[in-house]
Amino acid sequence: MHHLDGVNVNPTPIVAGENVTIEYDGLLTDSGAEEVYLHAGVGEGETWEDVKTIRMNRTPQGTWKTTVRLNTTDKFNFCFKDSAENWDNNEGYNWSYDIHETEHYN
């Protein structure tokens, strides 16, 4: 499990076509957010494609969790927001992970 700034991404490395679970316990959790959303897209640079905003589920531990399936080898980019439009974007850098083709890990 990869843990960075209150964010867990599992499994890493990310392989195209597999389910990836993102767990969040950061700034928005600390400020008492009632709902947290994963805002995610794929691609290099500032322009994300296939952008989705997904409501995350609260865990019994008080963290937020959701699972996505990534059918691409583009870079996976994401940040978080709450229902009051407060954002946690990793101080402007967002979170970004490479997605690998399956044959590299067979």
N, C-alpha and C. Protein backbone atom coordinates (compact mmCIF):
# COMPACT_ATOMS: atom_id res chain seq x y z
N MET A 1 0.85 -1.19 0.00
CA MET A 1 0.00 0.00 0.00
C MET A 1 0.89 1.24 0.00
N HIS A 2 0.55 2.17 -0.87
CA HIS A 2 1.33 3.40 -0.99
C HIS A 2 0.63 4.49 -0.19
N HIS A 3 1.32 5.09 0.75
CA HIS A 3 0.70 6.10 1.60
C HIS A 3 1.43 7.42 1.43
N LEU A 4 0.69 8.46 1.08
CA LEU A 4 1.29 9.77 0.83
C LEU A 4 0.28 10.84 1.18
N ASP A 5 0.59 11.69 2.15
CA ASP A 5 -0.27 12.83 2.46
C ASP A 5 -1.72 12.43 2.73
N GLY A 6 -1.93 11.36 3.48
CA GLY A 6 -3.29 10.95 3.79
C GLY A 6 -4.00 10.26 2.65
N VAL A 7 -3.26 9.82 1.63
CA VAL A 7 -3.86 9.14 0.47
C VAL A 7 -3.21 7.77 0.31
N ASN A 8 -4.05 6.73 0.23
CA ASN A 8 -3.58 5.39 -0.07
C ASN A 8 -4.09 4.98 -1.44
N VAL A 9 -3.21 4.42 -2.27
CA VAL A 9 -3.60 3.90 -3.56
C VAL A 9 -3.16 2.44 -3.58
N ASN A 10 -4.09 1.53 -3.83
CA ASN A 10 -3.80 0.12 -3.72
C ASN A 10 -4.51 -0.66 -4.82
N PRO A 11 -3.87 -1.49 -5.62
CA PRO A 11 -2.43 -1.78 -5.53
C PRO A 11 -1.61 -0.78 -6.35
N THR A 12 -0.34 -0.64 -5.99
CA THR A 12 0.62 0.04 -6.85
C THR A 12 1.76 -0.93 -7.08
N PRO A 13 2.38 -0.96 -8.25
CA PRO A 13 2.06 -0.10 -9.39
C PRO A 13 0.67 -0.42 -9.97
N ILE A 14 0.07 0.59 -10.60
CA ILE A 14 -1.25 0.44 -11.20
C ILE A 14 -1.09 -0.23 -12.57
N VAL A 15 -1.90 -1.25 -12.80
CA VAL A 15 -1.87 -1.96 -14.08
C VAL A 15 -3.18 -1.70 -14.81
N ALA A 16 -3.10 -1.40 -16.10
CA ALA A 16 -4.29 -1.11 -16.91
C ALA A 16 -5.29 -2.26 -16.83
N GLY A 17 -6.57 -1.91 -16.67
CA GLY A 17 -7.63 -2.90 -16.64
C GLY A 17 -7.92 -3.48 -15.27
N GLU A 18 -7.16 -3.10 -14.26
CA GLU A 18 -7.40 -3.60 -12.91
C GLU A 18 -8.11 -2.56 -12.06
N ASN A 19 -8.80 -3.04 -11.02
CA ASN A 19 -9.44 -2.14 -10.08
C ASN A 19 -8.40 -1.56 -9.13
N VAL A 20 -8.55 -0.27 -8.86
CA VAL A 20 -7.64 0.43 -7.96
C VAL A 20 -8.48 1.10 -6.89
N THR A 21 -8.11 0.91 -5.64
CA THR A 21 -8.82 1.53 -4.53
C THR A 21 -8.05 2.74 -4.03
N ILE A 22 -8.76 3.85 -3.93
CA ILE A 22 -8.18 5.09 -3.40
C ILE A 22 -8.83 5.35 -2.05
N GLU A 23 -8.00 5.53 -1.04
CA GLU A 23 -8.50 5.85 0.30
C GLU A 23 -7.92 7.19 0.71
N TYR A 24 -8.79 8.04 1.25
CA TYR A 24 -8.42 9.41 1.56
C TYR A 24 -8.68 9.73 3.03
N ASP A 25 -7.68 10.31 3.67
CA ASP A 25 -7.82 10.77 5.05
C ASP A 25 -6.94 12.00 5.21
N GLY A 26 -7.39 13.10 4.63
CA GLY A 26 -6.54 14.30 4.59
C GLY A 26 -7.26 15.53 5.08
N LEU A 27 -6.91 16.64 4.46
CA LEU A 27 -7.38 17.98 4.83
C LEU A 27 -8.90 18.06 4.99
N LEU A 28 -9.64 17.50 4.04
CA LEU A 28 -11.11 17.61 4.07
C LEU A 28 -11.69 16.79 5.22
N THR A 29 -11.08 15.64 5.50
CA THR A 29 -11.51 14.83 6.64
C THR A 29 -11.31 15.62 7.93
N ASP A 30 -10.12 16.24 8.04
CA ASP A 30 -9.78 17.00 9.25
C ASP A 30 -10.72 18.17 9.47
N SER A 31 -11.26 18.74 8.38
CA SER A 31 -12.15 19.89 8.53
C SER A 31 -13.62 19.47 8.63
N GLY A 32 -13.87 18.17 8.79
CA GLY A 32 -15.22 17.70 9.08
C GLY A 32 -16.15 17.57 7.89
N ALA A 33 -15.61 17.25 6.73
CA ALA A 33 -16.43 17.10 5.52
C ALA A 33 -17.50 16.03 5.72
N GLU A 34 -18.72 16.33 5.27
CA GLU A 34 -19.80 15.35 5.37
C GLU A 34 -19.81 14.40 4.18
N GLU A 35 -19.30 14.87 3.06
CA GLU A 35 -19.16 14.02 1.88
C GLU A 35 -17.84 14.39 1.22
N VAL A 36 -17.17 13.39 0.65
CA VAL A 36 -15.93 13.63 -0.09
C VAL A 36 -16.06 12.96 -1.45
N TYR A 37 -15.58 13.66 -2.47
CA TYR A 37 -15.64 13.18 -3.85
C TYR A 37 -14.23 13.06 -4.42
N LEU A 38 -14.02 12.00 -5.17
CA LEU A 38 -12.79 11.85 -5.94
C LEU A 38 -13.01 12.52 -7.30
N HIS A 39 -12.14 13.46 -7.64
CA HIS A 39 -12.20 14.13 -8.94
C HIS A 39 -10.99 13.64 -9.71
N ALA A 40 -11.22 12.88 -10.80
CA ALA A 40 -10.13 12.16 -11.44
C ALA A 40 -10.22 12.23 -12.95
N GLY A 41 -9.07 12.11 -13.59
CA GLY A 41 -9.00 12.04 -15.04
C GLY A 41 -7.69 11.40 -15.45
N VAL A 42 -7.50 11.25 -16.75
CA VAL A 42 -6.27 10.67 -17.25
C VAL A 42 -5.63 11.59 -18.27
N GLY A 43 -4.31 11.46 -18.41
CA GLY A 43 -3.58 12.24 -19.40
C GLY A 43 -2.40 12.97 -18.80
N GLU A 44 -1.58 13.50 -19.67
CA GLU A 44 -0.39 14.24 -19.24
C GLU A 44 -0.74 15.72 -19.11
N GLY A 45 -0.07 16.40 -18.21
CA GLY A 45 -0.19 17.85 -18.14
C GLY A 45 -1.49 18.34 -17.51
N GLU A 46 -1.83 19.56 -17.85
CA GLU A 46 -2.96 20.25 -17.22
C GLU A 46 -4.32 19.76 -17.71
N THR A 47 -4.38 19.23 -18.93
CA THR A 47 -5.66 18.85 -19.51
C THR A 47 -5.94 17.38 -19.24
N TRP A 48 -6.97 17.13 -18.43
CA TRP A 48 -7.35 15.75 -18.12
C TRP A 48 -8.47 15.32 -19.06
N GLU A 49 -8.46 14.06 -19.43
CA GLU A 49 -9.54 13.49 -20.23
C GLU A 49 -10.31 12.50 -19.39
N ASP A 50 -11.51 12.15 -19.86
CA ASP A 50 -12.36 11.15 -19.18
C ASP A 50 -12.53 11.52 -17.70
N VAL A 51 -12.83 12.81 -17.46
CA VAL A 51 -12.90 13.31 -16.08
C VAL A 51 -14.18 12.82 -15.40
N LYS A 52 -14.04 12.35 -14.18
CA LYS A 52 -15.17 11.87 -13.39
C LYS A 52 -15.09 12.44 -11.99
N THR A 53 -16.25 12.68 -11.41
CA THR A 53 -16.32 13.06 -10.00
C THR A 53 -17.16 11.98 -9.32
N ILE A 54 -16.56 11.25 -8.39
CA ILE A 54 -17.17 10.06 -7.79
C ILE A 54 -17.31 10.26 -6.29
N ARG A 55 -18.53 10.07 -5.78
CA ARG A 55 -18.72 10.18 -4.33
C ARG A 55 -18.05 9.01 -3.64
N MET A 56 -17.24 9.32 -2.64
CA MET A 56 -16.51 8.28 -1.91
C MET A 56 -17.34 7.78 -0.74
N ASN A 57 -17.07 6.57 -0.31
CA ASN A 57 -17.78 5.96 0.81
C ASN A 57 -16.99 6.14 2.09
N ARG A 58 -17.68 6.48 3.17
CA ARG A 58 -17.01 6.64 4.46
C ARG A 58 -16.78 5.26 5.07
N THR A 59 -15.59 5.03 5.57
CA THR A 59 -15.27 3.75 6.20
C THR A 59 -15.53 3.86 7.71
N PRO A 60 -15.64 2.70 8.38
CA PRO A 60 -15.82 2.74 9.85
C PRO A 60 -14.67 3.46 10.56
N GLN A 61 -13.51 3.51 9.93
CA GLN A 61 -12.35 4.20 10.53
C GLN A 61 -12.40 5.71 10.32
N GLY A 62 -13.41 6.18 9.55
CA GLY A 62 -13.54 7.62 9.32
C GLY A 62 -12.80 8.12 8.09
N THR A 63 -12.21 7.20 7.32
CA THR A 63 -11.57 7.60 6.07
C THR A 63 -12.61 7.52 4.95
N TRP A 64 -12.20 7.91 3.75
CA TRP A 64 -13.08 7.88 2.58
C TRP A 64 -12.44 6.98 1.54
N LYS A 65 -13.27 6.17 0.86
CA LYS A 65 -12.72 5.16 -0.02
C LYS A 65 -13.61 4.98 -1.25
N THR A 66 -12.97 4.74 -2.39
CA THR A 66 -13.69 4.36 -3.60
C THR A 66 -12.78 3.53 -4.47
N THR A 67 -13.37 2.78 -5.39
CA THR A 67 -12.60 1.93 -6.30
C THR A 67 -12.90 2.34 -7.74
N VAL A 68 -11.86 2.45 -8.55
CA VAL A 68 -12.02 2.79 -9.96
C VAL A 68 -11.28 1.74 -10.79
N ARG A 69 -11.71 1.63 -12.04
CA ARG A 69 -11.04 0.74 -12.99
C ARG A 69 -10.44 1.62 -14.08
N LEU A 70 -9.18 1.43 -14.36
CA LEU A 70 -8.46 2.27 -15.31
C LEU A 70 -8.07 1.45 -16.53
N ASN A 71 -8.77 1.70 -17.65
CA ASN A 71 -8.52 0.94 -18.88
C ASN A 71 -7.67 1.75 -19.84
N THR A 72 -6.58 2.27 -19.36
CA THR A 72 -5.71 3.12 -20.17
C THR A 72 -4.30 3.02 -19.63
N THR A 73 -3.33 3.42 -20.42
CA THR A 73 -1.97 3.54 -19.90
C THR A 73 -1.55 5.00 -19.79
N ASP A 74 -2.53 5.92 -19.94
CA ASP A 74 -2.24 7.33 -19.68
C ASP A 74 -2.02 7.52 -18.18
N LYS A 75 -1.48 8.66 -17.82
CA LYS A 75 -1.26 8.97 -16.40
C LYS A 75 -2.61 9.17 -15.71
N PHE A 76 -2.74 8.64 -14.49
CA PHE A 76 -3.95 8.76 -13.67
C PHE A 76 -3.75 9.93 -12.72
N ASN A 77 -4.63 10.93 -12.81
CA ASN A 77 -4.52 12.16 -12.01
C ASN A 77 -5.78 12.32 -11.17
N PHE A 78 -5.63 12.76 -9.93
CA PHE A 78 -6.82 12.98 -9.12
C PHE A 78 -6.58 13.97 -7.99
N CYS A 79 -7.71 14.49 -7.49
CA CYS A 79 -7.73 15.31 -6.29
C CYS A 79 -9.07 15.05 -5.61
N PHE A 80 -9.38 15.81 -4.59
CA PHE A 80 -10.58 15.55 -3.79
C PHE A 80 -11.32 16.85 -3.54
N LYS A 81 -12.65 16.74 -3.37
CA LYS A 81 -13.44 17.91 -2.96
C LYS A 81 -14.55 17.43 -2.03
N ASP A 82 -15.10 18.38 -1.28
CA ASP A 82 -16.25 18.03 -0.43
C ASP A 82 -17.51 18.67 -1.00
N SER A 83 -18.64 18.45 -0.33
CA SER A 83 -19.92 18.92 -0.86
C SER A 83 -20.04 20.44 -0.82
N ALA A 84 -19.16 21.12 -0.07
CA ALA A 84 -19.17 22.59 -0.01
C ALA A 84 -18.15 23.20 -0.98
N GLU A 85 -17.65 22.38 -1.93
CA GLU A 85 -16.68 22.83 -2.93
C GLU A 85 -15.35 23.27 -2.32
N ASN A 86 -14.99 22.71 -1.17
CA ASN A 86 -13.62 22.84 -0.68
C ASN A 86 -12.79 21.76 -1.36
N TRP A 87 -11.59 22.11 -1.80
CA TRP A 87 -10.77 21.19 -2.56
C TRP A 87 -9.50 20.83 -1.80
N ASP A 88 -9.03 19.62 -2.00
CA ASP A 88 -7.69 19.22 -1.58
C ASP A 88 -6.99 18.72 -2.84
N ASN A 89 -6.11 19.55 -3.38
CA ASN A 89 -5.43 19.19 -4.63
C ASN A 89 -3.93 19.05 -4.41
N ASN A 90 -3.55 18.60 -3.20
CA ASN A 90 -2.13 18.34 -2.90
C ASN A 90 -1.32 19.62 -3.10
N GLU A 91 -1.84 20.72 -2.56
CA GLU A 91 -1.21 22.04 -2.64
C GLU A 91 -0.92 22.45 -4.08
N GLY A 92 -1.88 22.12 -4.97
CA GLY A 92 -1.76 22.54 -6.36
C GLY A 92 -1.13 21.52 -7.29
N TYR A 93 -0.58 20.45 -6.73
CA TYR A 93 0.10 19.47 -7.57
C TYR A 93 -0.76 18.27 -7.95
N ASN A 94 -1.92 18.12 -7.31
CA ASN A 94 -2.76 16.93 -7.49
C ASN A 94 -1.96 15.67 -7.17
N TRP A 95 -2.59 14.54 -7.34
CA TRP A 95 -1.90 13.25 -7.19
C TRP A 95 -1.85 12.63 -8.57
N SER A 96 -0.75 12.00 -8.90
CA SER A 96 -0.55 11.50 -10.24
C SER A 96 0.19 10.17 -10.20
N TYR A 97 -0.33 9.19 -10.92
CA TYR A 97 0.29 7.85 -10.94
C TYR A 97 0.39 7.37 -12.38
N ASP A 98 1.50 6.71 -12.68
CA ASP A 98 1.63 6.05 -13.98
C ASP A 98 0.80 4.78 -13.98
N ILE A 99 0.26 4.44 -15.14
CA ILE A 99 -0.48 3.19 -15.32
C ILE A 99 0.32 2.33 -16.29
N HIS A 100 0.55 1.09 -15.91
CA HIS A 100 1.42 0.21 -16.67
C HIS A 100 0.61 -0.82 -17.46
N GLU A 101 1.19 -1.25 -18.57
CA GLU A 101 0.58 -2.34 -19.33
C GLU A 101 0.82 -3.65 -18.60
N THR A 102 -0.14 -4.57 -18.72
CA THR A 102 -0.06 -5.82 -17.96
C THR A 102 1.17 -6.64 -18.25
N GLU A 103 1.61 -6.68 -19.50
CA GLU A 103 2.72 -7.60 -19.81
C GLU A 103 4.01 -7.24 -19.09
N HIS A 104 4.14 -6.01 -18.61
CA HIS A 104 5.34 -5.66 -17.86
C HIS A 104 5.40 -6.37 -16.51
N TYR A 105 4.28 -6.90 -16.06
CA TYR A 105 4.24 -7.49 -14.72
C TYR A 105 3.89 -8.96 -14.73
N ASN A 106 3.87 -9.60 -15.91
CA ASN A 106 3.55 -11.03 -15.97
C ASN A 106 4.75 -11.86 -15.54
